[in-house]
């Protein structure tokens, strides 16, 4: 407590670089340290002060284990500061008043921790996947450098330079063949927190290895979605939050296994597991697609044909989020009769206007109809009704066309001819362009039929769909009467 009081009175601290002015307040505090904000040369930094005794009470010549860990972390991390996976420690020093000595390290000030961000933000599936990939790379990176962190938790994950990095390596296990080890961790040493750490870290006979960090990673993933941690093997259900989380249920369950041998030991194993779960049979695809259909036709008697129209913004958003989340896994196609197209991507371009990119086509959604065929798999589908879009303006005479082909390069619209040539004129400069995104923008109202490729109605019954589409071009209206012929779709002979 005396050390903390002394630190809280500090207004500045001087070292070889100059004077760092201490900002009042506290950025964070743990069992062995307190972190204060500081300013130096108009830049913000975080200073982590060690708040435990440096020397053993019984012998002033013997350093405490906690202090050795504090020094060890700084010294060892200097060799991997270039990795991009850690919160860098820039300088180690000791604040010495003559009466007391307080070790400290200076670090860049992070924008926030993952814990702080999650406490004030709702998680979206898109956020979750970005954080998942970010942390996967960070943890794999420190493991490749021979470090087991042992205390991965949301408060030790920091946003720095627009990505998350890992901090606080005071109790980490460093490979003794690579790093200096001032402290040897014995089996049974109780380190890290209970909520996120692996069970072997509190077991006197437990062996801590890379799977221990992956366990903590699993707890972080579970916490991101549910705002809770999990102890003991239980059924994990994420689809109540968003159906797209379903693919992570078995992964997190395996990460949180009490048995280390059942967990993963590398990012490669994790990604291979995810990919294996995404490879579904035709029957599995259609069962899961039917589950999405049931979600939006739940008001209807399950044993009867169902047509349900959605034209409210929130409903359209939810349906498209569900569809875009399974586009790769379900092998989705869309059709206007005899023109079937495999969909390789679905992404939102304008949320307010409900403009989406489906394959190459830009569409502005007016309404979505859901058709459920009650008697067998492989016959249900979505019907997307769209509004005409305006020309981009890159073609002067496009207003007389039905559609225009163009491309996007680094946010700039260019002509299809420029994309094909590999050169474009952007902001008055000729620029070589690679990896453009080709698009088609339609200037008339349309309807599209969407379903999985495997045994779906698009390929087997394109004559029915074509007749509906041709009739739509005449009446320019979608209703149950127009879609009635969908009831004549026949079940597939085999899946």
Protein backbone atom coordinates (compact mmCIF):
# COMPACT_ATOMS: atom_id res chain seq x y z
CA UNK A 1 0.00 0.00 0.00
CA UNK A 2 2.91 2.34 0.79
CA UNK A 3 4.32 1.89 -2.70
CA UNK A 4 0.93 2.58 -4.32
CA UNK A 5 0.54 5.77 -2.29
CA UNK A 6 3.99 6.87 -3.39
CA UNK A 7 3.19 6.13 -7.04
CA UNK A 8 -0.12 7.99 -6.84
CA UNK A 9 1.72 11.09 -5.59
CA UNK A 10 4.09 11.08 -8.58
CA UNK A 11 3.64 13.97 -11.00
CA UNK A 12 6.62 13.13 -13.17
CA UNK A 13 9.40 10.62 -13.56
CA UNK A 14 12.82 11.31 -15.05
CA UNK A 15 15.07 8.83 -16.84
CA UNK A 16 17.72 8.78 -19.56
CA UNK A 17 15.18 9.94 -22.18
CA UNK A 18 13.83 12.90 -20.27
CA UNK A 19 10.89 13.79 -18.06
CA UNK A 20 7.62 11.82 -18.36
CA UNK A 21 4.68 13.71 -16.91
CA UNK A 22 2.29 11.44 -15.02
CA UNK A 23 -1.42 11.84 -15.71
CA UNK A 24 -3.70 11.46 -12.71
CA UNK A 25 -5.78 8.33 -12.52
CA UNK A 26 -5.00 4.70 -13.15
CA UNK A 27 -5.10 2.74 -16.43
CA UNK A 28 -5.14 -0.60 -14.68
CA UNK A 29 -3.97 -2.57 -11.67
CA UNK A 30 -3.04 -6.20 -11.09
CA UNK A 31 -1.63 -8.26 -8.26
CA UNK A 32 1.93 -7.05 -8.71
CA UNK A 33 1.68 -3.79 -10.64
CA UNK A 34 -0.23 -0.60 -11.30
CA UNK A 35 -0.32 1.19 -14.67
CA UNK A 36 -0.36 4.98 -15.03
CA UNK A 37 -0.68 7.18 -18.11
CA UNK A 38 2.22 9.49 -18.96
CA UNK A 39 3.06 12.12 -21.57
CA UNK A 40 6.44 12.63 -23.20
CA UNK A 41 7.21 14.78 -26.26
CA UNK A 42 3.46 15.21 -26.93
CA UNK A 43 2.92 11.44 -27.07
CA UNK A 44 1.07 9.22 -24.63
CA UNK A 45 2.64 6.25 -22.89
CA UNK A 46 1.72 3.72 -20.22
CA UNK A 47 4.06 3.20 -17.29
CA UNK A 48 3.75 -0.07 -15.42
CA UNK A 49 5.03 0.22 -11.83
CA UNK A 50 5.99 -2.85 -9.79
CA UNK A 51 4.22 -2.59 -6.42
CA UNK A 52 5.67 -5.58 -4.54
CA UNK A 53 8.89 -5.85 -2.57
CA UNK A 54 12.05 -6.16 -4.64
CA UNK A 55 13.95 -8.09 -2.00
CA UNK A 56 13.00 -11.00 0.18
CA UNK A 57 12.01 -9.91 3.69
CA UNK A 58 14.39 -12.40 5.23
CA UNK A 59 17.39 -11.47 3.10
CA UNK A 60 17.97 -8.05 1.50
CA UNK A 61 20.35 -9.63 -1.02
CA UNK A 62 17.78 -12.05 -2.46
CA UNK A 63 15.31 -10.73 -5.03
CA UNK A 64 11.70 -11.83 -4.77
CA UNK A 65 10.26 -14.20 -7.36
CA UNK A 66 7.67 -11.60 -8.44
CA UNK A 67 10.41 -9.04 -9.17
CA UNK A 68 12.44 -11.59 -11.11
CA UNK A 69 9.39 -12.32 -13.26
CA UNK A 70 8.89 -8.59 -13.84
CA UNK A 71 12.50 -8.17 -15.05
CA UNK A 72 12.46 -11.42 -16.99
CA UNK A 73 9.40 -10.43 -19.03
CA UNK A 74 10.95 -7.14 -20.12
CA UNK A 75 14.33 -8.58 -21.03
CA UNK A 76 12.94 -11.53 -22.99
CA UNK A 77 10.30 -9.54 -24.86
CA UNK A 78 12.92 -7.22 -26.31
CA UNK A 79 13.89 -9.95 -28.76
CA UNK A 80 10.36 -10.35 -30.19
CA UNK A 81 9.21 -6.72 -30.21
CA UNK A 82 9.25 -6.93 -34.04
CA UNK A 83 6.70 -9.76 -34.10
CA UNK A 84 3.64 -7.48 -34.08
CA UNK A 85 1.92 -9.85 -31.64
CA UNK A 86 2.81 -8.19 -28.33
CA UNK A 87 2.43 -4.88 -26.53
CA UNK A 88 6.04 -3.63 -26.66
CA UNK A 89 7.99 -2.81 -23.51
CA UNK A 90 10.20 0.13 -24.49
CA UNK A 91 12.27 0.82 -21.40
CA UNK A 92 12.99 -0.70 -17.98
CA UNK A 93 14.16 1.45 -15.08
CA UNK A 94 13.95 1.94 -11.31
CA UNK A 95 12.49 5.03 -9.65
CA UNK A 96 14.77 5.61 -6.69
CA UNK A 97 14.03 8.16 -3.97
CA UNK A 98 16.83 6.94 -1.69
CA UNK A 99 14.30 5.45 0.72
CA UNK A 100 12.32 3.33 -1.75
CA UNK A 101 12.97 1.75 -5.11
CA UNK A 102 10.11 1.18 -7.57
CA UNK A 103 10.87 -0.72 -10.80
CA UNK A 104 8.85 0.28 -13.86
CA UNK A 105 8.57 -0.33 -17.60
CA UNK A 106 7.40 2.12 -20.25
CA UNK A 107 5.07 0.96 -23.01
CA UNK A 108 3.00 2.59 -25.77
CA UNK A 109 -0.44 3.54 -24.49
CA UNK A 110 -2.98 1.22 -26.05
CA UNK A 111 -6.36 2.53 -27.20
CA UNK A 112 -8.26 0.08 -24.96
CA UNK A 113 -8.36 -3.53 -23.84
CA UNK A 114 -10.65 -6.17 -25.28
CA UNK A 115 -12.44 -6.23 -21.92
CA UNK A 116 -13.09 -2.48 -22.06
CA UNK A 117 -14.32 -2.68 -25.64
CA UNK A 118 -16.70 -5.59 -25.01
CA UNK A 119 -18.14 -3.95 -21.89
CA UNK A 120 -19.51 -1.06 -23.96
CA UNK A 121 -20.15 -2.79 -27.32
CA UNK A 122 -22.40 -5.53 -28.56
CA UNK A 123 -20.50 -8.19 -30.46
CA UNK A 124 -21.45 -8.85 -34.07
CA UNK A 125 -20.50 -11.97 -35.99
CA UNK A 126 -18.25 -9.87 -38.21
CA UNK A 127 -16.48 -8.40 -35.14
CA UNK A 128 -16.12 -11.87 -33.67
CA UNK A 129 -14.49 -13.35 -36.77
CA UNK A 130 -12.00 -10.48 -37.02
CA UNK A 131 -11.04 -10.83 -33.35
CA UNK A 132 -10.85 -14.63 -33.73
CA UNK A 133 -8.36 -14.39 -36.62
CA UNK A 134 -6.39 -11.59 -34.93
CA UNK A 135 -5.92 -13.49 -31.66
CA UNK A 136 -5.25 -16.78 -33.45
CA UNK A 137 -2.26 -15.18 -35.19
CA UNK A 138 -1.00 -13.48 -32.01
CA UNK A 139 -1.07 -16.64 -29.91
CA UNK A 140 0.48 -18.76 -32.65
CA UNK A 141 3.22 -16.14 -33.07
CA UNK A 142 4.31 -16.09 -29.43
CA UNK A 143 4.26 -19.91 -29.37
CA UNK A 144 6.56 -20.02 -32.39
CA UNK A 145 8.94 -17.75 -30.45
CA UNK A 146 8.95 -20.24 -27.57
CA UNK A 147 6.65 -18.46 -25.14
CA UNK A 148 3.62 -19.81 -23.28
CA UNK A 149 1.69 -16.80 -21.99
CA UNK A 150 -0.32 -18.52 -19.21
CA UNK A 151 -2.55 -15.50 -18.54
CA UNK A 152 -4.51 -14.81 -21.73
CA UNK A 153 -7.66 -12.93 -20.81
CA UNK A 154 -9.60 -9.92 -22.16
CA UNK A 155 -7.82 -7.43 -19.88
CA UNK A 156 -4.43 -8.58 -21.24
CA UNK A 157 -5.45 -8.10 -24.87
CA UNK A 158 -4.81 -4.55 -26.11
CA UNK A 159 -5.88 -2.57 -29.18
CA UNK A 160 -2.74 -0.97 -30.64
CA UNK A 161 -2.38 0.45 -34.16
CA UNK A 162 -5.81 -0.88 -35.20
CA UNK A 163 -5.22 -4.50 -34.16
CA UNK A 164 -5.20 -6.52 -30.96
CA UNK A 165 -1.90 -7.52 -29.36
CA UNK A 166 -1.09 -9.48 -26.21
CA UNK A 167 0.40 -7.87 -23.10
CA UNK A 168 1.45 -8.70 -19.51
CA UNK A 169 3.98 -11.53 -19.79
CA UNK A 170 4.99 -11.39 -16.11
CA UNK A 171 4.01 -15.03 -15.45
CA UNK A 172 4.83 -16.39 -18.90
CA UNK A 173 6.88 -19.53 -19.48
CA UNK A 174 9.92 -18.83 -21.66
CA UNK A 175 11.77 -21.60 -23.49
CA UNK A 176 14.99 -22.02 -21.50
CA UNK A 177 16.91 -22.87 -24.67
CA UNK A 178 16.12 -19.42 -26.11
CA UNK A 179 15.57 -17.02 -23.24
CA UNK A 180 17.00 -16.19 -19.85
CA UNK A 181 14.99 -17.74 -17.05
CA UNK A 182 15.44 -15.89 -13.79
CA UNK A 183 12.58 -17.88 -12.26
CA UNK A 184 11.77 -21.54 -12.66
CA UNK A 185 8.07 -22.28 -12.44
CA UNK A 186 7.37 -25.46 -10.55
CA UNK A 187 4.41 -27.76 -11.06
CA UNK A 188 1.51 -26.64 -8.94
CA UNK A 189 2.49 -22.96 -8.83
CA UNK A 190 -0.87 -21.17 -8.82
CA UNK A 191 -0.51 -18.48 -11.47
CA UNK A 192 -3.05 -16.58 -13.60
CA UNK A 193 -6.76 -16.05 -13.01
CA UNK A 194 -9.31 -18.78 -12.40
CA UNK A 195 -11.92 -17.74 -14.97
CA UNK A 196 -9.78 -17.95 -18.12
CA UNK A 197 -6.83 -20.17 -17.21
CA UNK A 198 -6.66 -23.88 -17.99
CA UNK A 199 -7.41 -26.35 -15.17
CA UNK A 200 -3.86 -27.77 -15.20
CA UNK A 201 -2.58 -24.35 -14.09
CA UNK A 202 -4.15 -24.89 -10.65
CA UNK A 203 -3.26 -28.58 -10.45
CA UNK A 204 -0.12 -29.39 -8.45
CA UNK A 205 0.77 -32.08 -10.98
CA UNK A 206 -0.37 -30.09 -14.01
CA UNK A 207 1.87 -29.56 -17.04
CA UNK A 208 1.46 -26.19 -18.74
CA UNK A 209 2.03 -26.17 -22.50
CA UNK A 210 0.66 -24.49 -25.64
CA UNK A 211 -2.71 -26.21 -25.20
CA UNK A 212 -3.11 -24.21 -21.96
CA UNK A 213 -3.05 -20.95 -23.92
CA UNK A 214 -5.48 -22.37 -26.46
CA UNK A 215 -7.81 -23.24 -23.58
CA UNK A 216 -7.71 -19.58 -22.50
CA UNK A 217 -8.34 -18.61 -26.13
CA UNK A 218 -11.48 -20.78 -26.04
CA UNK A 219 -12.65 -19.02 -22.87
CA UNK A 220 -12.10 -15.62 -24.51
CA UNK A 221 -14.17 -16.72 -27.53
CA UNK A 222 -16.95 -18.02 -25.26
CA UNK A 223 -16.86 -14.78 -23.24
CA UNK A 224 -16.97 -12.60 -26.37
CA UNK A 225 -20.28 -14.19 -27.39
CA UNK A 226 -21.92 -14.80 -24.00
CA UNK A 227 -20.08 -12.35 -21.65
CA UNK A 228 -19.49 -15.36 -19.37
CA UNK A 229 -16.82 -18.03 -18.92
CA UNK A 230 -17.48 -21.75 -18.72
CA UNK A 231 -16.22 -24.41 -16.32
CA UNK A 232 -16.91 -28.08 -16.87
CA UNK A 233 -17.97 -29.82 -20.06
CA UNK A 234 -21.39 -28.58 -21.12
CA UNK A 235 -23.28 -28.36 -24.39
CA UNK A 236 -22.32 -25.11 -26.07
CA UNK A 237 -25.08 -23.35 -28.00
CA UNK A 238 -24.16 -20.18 -29.84
CA UNK A 239 -26.87 -20.17 -32.52
CA UNK A 240 -29.31 -18.47 -30.11
CA UNK A 241 -27.10 -15.37 -30.50
CA UNK A 242 -26.59 -15.69 -34.27
CA UNK A 243 -27.00 -18.81 -36.40
CA UNK A 244 -23.62 -18.14 -37.99
CA UNK A 245 -21.87 -18.84 -34.68
CA UNK A 246 -22.94 -22.46 -34.95
CA UNK A 247 -19.75 -23.47 -36.75
CA UNK A 248 -17.75 -22.42 -33.66
CA UNK A 249 -19.70 -24.51 -31.13
CA UNK A 250 -17.72 -27.73 -31.51
CA UNK A 251 -14.44 -25.79 -31.84
CA UNK A 252 -14.90 -23.93 -28.54
CA UNK A 253 -16.07 -27.14 -26.88
CA UNK A 254 -12.83 -28.85 -27.91
CA UNK A 255 -10.70 -25.86 -26.88
CA UNK A 256 -12.30 -25.99 -23.42
CA UNK A 257 -11.74 -29.71 -22.90
CA UNK A 258 -10.54 -30.60 -19.40
CA UNK A 259 -8.24 -33.17 -21.02
CA UNK A 260 -5.24 -31.47 -22.65
CA UNK A 261 -4.88 -34.30 -25.18
CA UNK A 262 -8.33 -33.44 -26.54
CA UNK A 263 -7.40 -29.81 -27.21
CA UNK A 264 -5.39 -28.17 -29.98
CA UNK A 265 -1.69 -27.38 -29.99
CA UNK A 266 -1.47 -24.99 -32.95
CA UNK A 267 -3.41 -22.53 -35.08
CA UNK A 268 -3.06 -24.93 -38.01
CA UNK A 269 -4.90 -27.66 -36.08
CA UNK A 270 -7.64 -25.17 -35.20
CA UNK A 271 -8.13 -24.02 -38.80
CA UNK A 272 -8.07 -27.61 -40.10
CA UNK A 273 -10.76 -28.52 -37.58
CA UNK A 274 -12.92 -25.58 -38.64
CA UNK A 275 -12.55 -26.46 -42.31
CA UNK A 276 -13.46 -30.10 -41.66
CA UNK A 277 -16.66 -29.02 -39.93
CA UNK A 278 -17.57 -26.75 -42.82
CA UNK A 279 -17.50 -29.59 -45.36
CA UNK A 280 -21.12 -30.72 -45.27
CA UNK A 281 -22.87 -33.44 -47.23
CA UNK A 282 -25.69 -32.47 -49.60
CA UNK A 283 -28.21 -33.75 -47.07
CA UNK A 284 -26.61 -31.73 -44.23
CA UNK A 285 -26.63 -28.60 -46.37
CA UNK A 286 -30.31 -28.96 -47.18
CA UNK A 287 -31.25 -29.75 -43.56
CA UNK A 288 -29.45 -26.62 -42.35
CA UNK A 289 -30.87 -24.50 -45.18
CA UNK A 290 -34.35 -25.78 -44.27
CA UNK A 291 -33.69 -24.64 -40.69
CA UNK A 292 -33.17 -21.07 -41.95
CA UNK A 293 -36.35 -21.35 -44.03
CA UNK A 294 -38.26 -22.56 -40.94
CA UNK A 295 -37.02 -19.54 -38.96
CA UNK A 296 -38.83 -17.20 -41.35
CA UNK A 297 -41.99 -19.30 -41.90
CA UNK A 298 -42.56 -20.22 -38.26
CA UNK A 299 -46.05 -18.64 -38.22
CA UNK A 300 -47.31 -21.18 -40.72
CA UNK A 301 -48.47 -24.75 -40.14
CA UNK A 302 -45.38 -26.89 -40.70
CA UNK A 303 -47.19 -29.49 -42.77
CA UNK A 304 -48.42 -26.98 -45.36
CA UNK A 305 -46.90 -24.86 -48.11
CA UNK A 306 -45.79 -21.48 -46.82
CA UNK A 307 -45.19 -18.11 -48.51
CA UNK A 308 -43.95 -15.28 -46.30
CA UNK A 309 -42.97 -11.79 -47.48
CA UNK A 310 -40.52 -9.53 -45.62
CA UNK A 311 -40.17 -5.87 -46.61
CA UNK A 312 -39.14 -4.21 -43.35
CA UNK A 313 -35.53 -3.02 -43.18
CA UNK A 314 -34.66 -5.01 -40.03
CA UNK A 315 -36.17 -8.24 -41.40
CA UNK A 316 -34.32 -7.93 -44.70
CA UNK A 317 -31.09 -7.26 -42.79
CA UNK A 318 -31.53 -10.35 -40.62
CA UNK A 319 -32.30 -12.63 -43.56
CA UNK A 320 -29.36 -11.38 -45.61
CA UNK A 321 -27.05 -11.72 -42.61
CA UNK A 322 -28.13 -15.34 -42.26
CA UNK A 323 -27.69 -16.03 -45.97
CA UNK A 324 -24.34 -14.28 -46.30
CA UNK A 325 -23.04 -16.24 -43.32
CA UNK A 326 -23.50 -19.58 -45.09
CA UNK A 327 -22.74 -18.67 -48.70
CA UNK A 328 -19.55 -20.73 -48.86
CA UNK A 329 -20.74 -23.62 -46.71
CA UNK A 330 -24.06 -24.10 -48.53
CA UNK A 331 -22.82 -23.64 -52.12
CA UNK A 332 -25.59 -21.17 -52.85
CA UNK A 333 -26.77 -20.43 -56.39
CA UNK A 334 -29.29 -17.95 -57.70
CA UNK A 335 -31.35 -18.04 -60.81
CA UNK A 336 -33.80 -16.25 -63.08
CA UNK A 337 -34.82 -19.41 -64.84
CA UNK A 338 -32.33 -20.79 -67.33
CA UNK A 339 -29.48 -18.60 -66.10
CA UNK A 340 -28.12 -20.22 -62.95
CA UNK A 341 -25.12 -18.55 -61.29
CA UNK A 342 -22.99 -19.87 -58.45
CA UNK A 343 -22.60 -17.26 -55.70
CA UNK A 344 -19.02 -16.86 -54.50
CA UNK A 345 -19.66 -13.91 -52.17
CA UNK A 346 -22.38 -11.82 -50.56
CA UNK A 347 -21.51 -8.55 -48.85
CA UNK A 348 -23.36 -5.42 -47.84
CA UNK A 349 -22.49 -2.19 -49.63
CA UNK A 350 -25.02 0.19 -48.05
CA UNK A 351 -26.90 -0.80 -44.89
CA UNK A 352 -29.35 2.10 -44.92
CA UNK A 353 -30.38 1.53 -48.55
CA UNK A 354 -30.11 -2.28 -48.32
CA UNK A 355 -27.71 -2.47 -51.25
CA UNK A 356 -25.81 -5.74 -51.48
CA UNK A 357 -23.19 -7.29 -53.74
CA UNK A 358 -24.24 -10.83 -54.66
CA UNK A 359 -21.56 -12.50 -56.79
CA UNK A 360 -20.90 -9.65 -59.27
CA UNK A 361 -24.38 -8.11 -59.08
CA UNK A 362 -25.24 -4.99 -57.10
CA UNK A 363 -28.82 -5.21 -55.89
CA UNK A 364 -31.08 -2.90 -53.89
CA UNK A 365 -33.49 -5.15 -52.02
CA UNK A 366 -37.17 -4.21 -51.95
CA UNK A 367 -38.50 -7.38 -50.31
CA UNK A 368 -37.67 -11.04 -49.69
CA UNK A 369 -40.15 -13.85 -50.10
CA UNK A 370 -39.59 -17.15 -48.30
CA UNK A 371 -41.10 -20.29 -49.81
CA UNK A 372 -41.24 -23.47 -47.75
CA UNK A 373 -41.98 -26.80 -49.40
CA UNK A 374 -43.35 -28.99 -46.57
CA UNK A 375 -42.97 -32.53 -47.91
CA UNK A 376 -39.26 -33.03 -48.59
CA UNK A 377 -35.81 -31.47 -48.62
CA UNK A 378 -34.41 -29.66 -51.61
CA UNK A 379 -37.47 -27.68 -52.68
CA UNK A 380 -37.61 -24.57 -50.48
CA UNK A 381 -36.03 -21.28 -51.56
CA UNK A 382 -35.78 -17.50 -51.16
CA UNK A 383 -37.12 -15.02 -53.74
CA UNK A 384 -35.37 -11.64 -53.66
CA UNK A 385 -37.22 -8.69 -55.20
CA UNK A 386 -35.00 -5.72 -56.11
CA UNK A 387 -35.39 -2.07 -57.09
CA UNK A 388 -33.65 -0.39 -60.00
CA UNK A 389 -30.33 1.31 -59.22
CA UNK A 390 -29.02 4.52 -60.76
CA UNK A 391 -25.95 4.50 -63.04
CA UNK A 392 -22.59 5.11 -61.38
CA UNK A 393 -21.85 8.07 -63.65
CA UNK A 394 -18.63 6.69 -65.10
CA UNK A 395 -20.38 6.01 -68.44
CA UNK A 396 -22.07 9.17 -69.87
CA UNK A 397 -24.62 7.22 -71.93
CA UNK A 398 -25.42 4.53 -69.32
CA UNK A 399 -28.89 6.00 -68.66
CA UNK A 400 -30.13 4.34 -71.83
CA UNK A 401 -28.82 0.91 -70.80
CA UNK A 402 -30.43 -1.88 -68.75
CA UNK A 403 -27.24 -2.46 -66.76
CA UNK A 404 -23.61 -1.40 -66.61
CA UNK A 405 -20.45 -3.37 -65.96
CA UNK A 406 -17.71 -1.63 -64.02
CA UNK A 407 -15.08 -2.37 -61.36
CA UNK A 408 -13.89 -1.02 -58.02
CA UNK A 409 -10.21 -0.53 -57.19
CA UNK A 410 -9.24 0.75 -53.73
CA UNK A 411 -12.64 2.40 -53.38
CA UNK A 412 -12.57 4.09 -56.79
CA UNK A 413 -15.01 3.18 -59.57
CA UNK A 414 -13.36 2.41 -62.92
CA UNK A 415 -14.71 1.21 -66.25
CA UNK A 416 -14.76 -2.44 -67.25
CA UNK A 417 -12.38 -1.53 -70.08
CA UNK A 418 -9.88 -0.04 -67.63
CA UNK A 419 -10.13 -3.11 -65.40
CA UNK A 420 -9.46 -5.36 -68.38
CA UNK A 421 -6.47 -3.27 -69.49
CA UNK A 422 -4.96 -3.27 -66.00
CA UNK A 423 -4.63 0.53 -66.05
CA UNK A 424 -7.09 3.22 -64.97
CA UNK A 425 -7.23 6.98 -64.68
CA UNK A 426 -7.96 7.83 -61.05
CA UNK A 427 -7.97 11.41 -59.73
CA UNK A 428 -6.20 12.60 -62.87
CA UNK A 429 -3.41 10.01 -62.64
CA UNK A 430 -2.86 6.81 -64.60
CA UNK A 431 -2.63 3.96 -62.12
CA UNK A 432 -1.80 0.30 -62.64
CA UNK A 433 -4.67 -1.72 -61.15
CA UNK A 434 -4.66 -5.31 -59.94
CA UNK A 435 -7.18 -7.32 -57.93
CA UNK A 436 -10.18 -5.22 -58.92
CA UNK A 437 -13.71 -6.14 -57.84
CA UNK A 438 -15.95 -6.52 -60.90
CA UNK A 439 -19.58 -5.46 -60.56
CA UNK A 440 -22.80 -5.31 -62.56
CA UNK A 441 -25.36 -2.63 -61.68
CA UNK A 442 -28.94 -3.14 -62.92
CA UNK A 443 -31.21 -0.24 -63.90
CA UNK A 444 -34.51 -2.13 -63.73
CA UNK A 445 -36.49 -4.05 -61.14
CA UNK A 446 -35.61 -7.74 -60.90
CA UNK A 447 -36.35 -10.93 -58.98
CA UNK A 448 -33.88 -13.67 -58.13
CA UNK A 449 -34.43 -17.20 -56.80
CA UNK A 450 -31.85 -18.40 -54.27
CA UNK A 451 -31.18 -21.91 -52.90
CA UNK A 452 -28.32 -24.40 -52.38
CA UNK A 453 -26.82 -25.98 -55.49
CA UNK A 454 -27.03 -29.57 -54.32
CA UNK A 455 -30.35 -31.12 -55.34
CA UNK A 456 -31.90 -27.69 -55.11
CA UNK A 457 -34.90 -26.49 -57.12
CA UNK A 458 -32.88 -24.09 -59.27
CA UNK A 459 -31.25 -26.68 -61.49
CA UNK A 460 -33.96 -29.35 -61.45
CA UNK A 461 -36.91 -27.00 -62.02
CA UNK A 462 -35.54 -24.08 -63.97
CA UNK A 463 -38.50 -24.27 -66.36
CA UNK A 464 -40.90 -23.43 -63.49
CA UNK A 465 -38.65 -20.61 -62.31
CA UNK A 466 -38.23 -19.30 -65.86
CA UNK A 467 -42.02 -19.10 -66.36
CA UNK A 468 -42.40 -17.18 -63.08
CA UNK A 469 -39.61 -14.80 -64.09
CA UNK A 470 -41.08 -14.18 -67.54
CA UNK A 471 -44.48 -13.45 -65.98
CA UNK A 472 -42.84 -11.07 -63.48
CA UNK A 473 -41.32 -9.08 -66.35
CA UNK A 474 -44.89 -8.48 -67.57
CA UNK A 475 -46.68 -7.75 -64.28
CA UNK A 476 -43.72 -6.20 -62.37
CA UNK A 477 -45.19 -7.41 -59.07
CA UNK A 478 -44.40 -10.26 -56.70
CA UNK A 479 -47.23 -11.92 -54.79
CA UNK A 480 -48.40 -15.43 -53.88
CA UNK A 481 -50.26 -15.74 -57.16
CA UNK A 482 -47.06 -15.19 -59.12
CA UNK A 483 -45.15 -17.69 -56.96
CA UNK A 484 -47.92 -20.33 -56.86
CA UNK A 485 -46.19 -22.57 -59.48
CA UNK A 486 -43.40 -23.24 -56.96
CA UNK A 487 -45.76 -25.73 -55.34
CA UNK A 488 -45.26 -27.93 -58.41
CA UNK A 489 -41.59 -28.49 -57.62
CA UNK A 490 -40.95 -32.19 -57.12
CA UNK A 491 -38.69 -33.71 -54.52
CA UNK A 492 -35.31 -34.97 -55.74
CA UNK A 493 -34.98 -38.68 -56.47
CA UNK A 494 -31.93 -38.88 -54.25
CA UNK A 495 -29.65 -36.54 -52.30
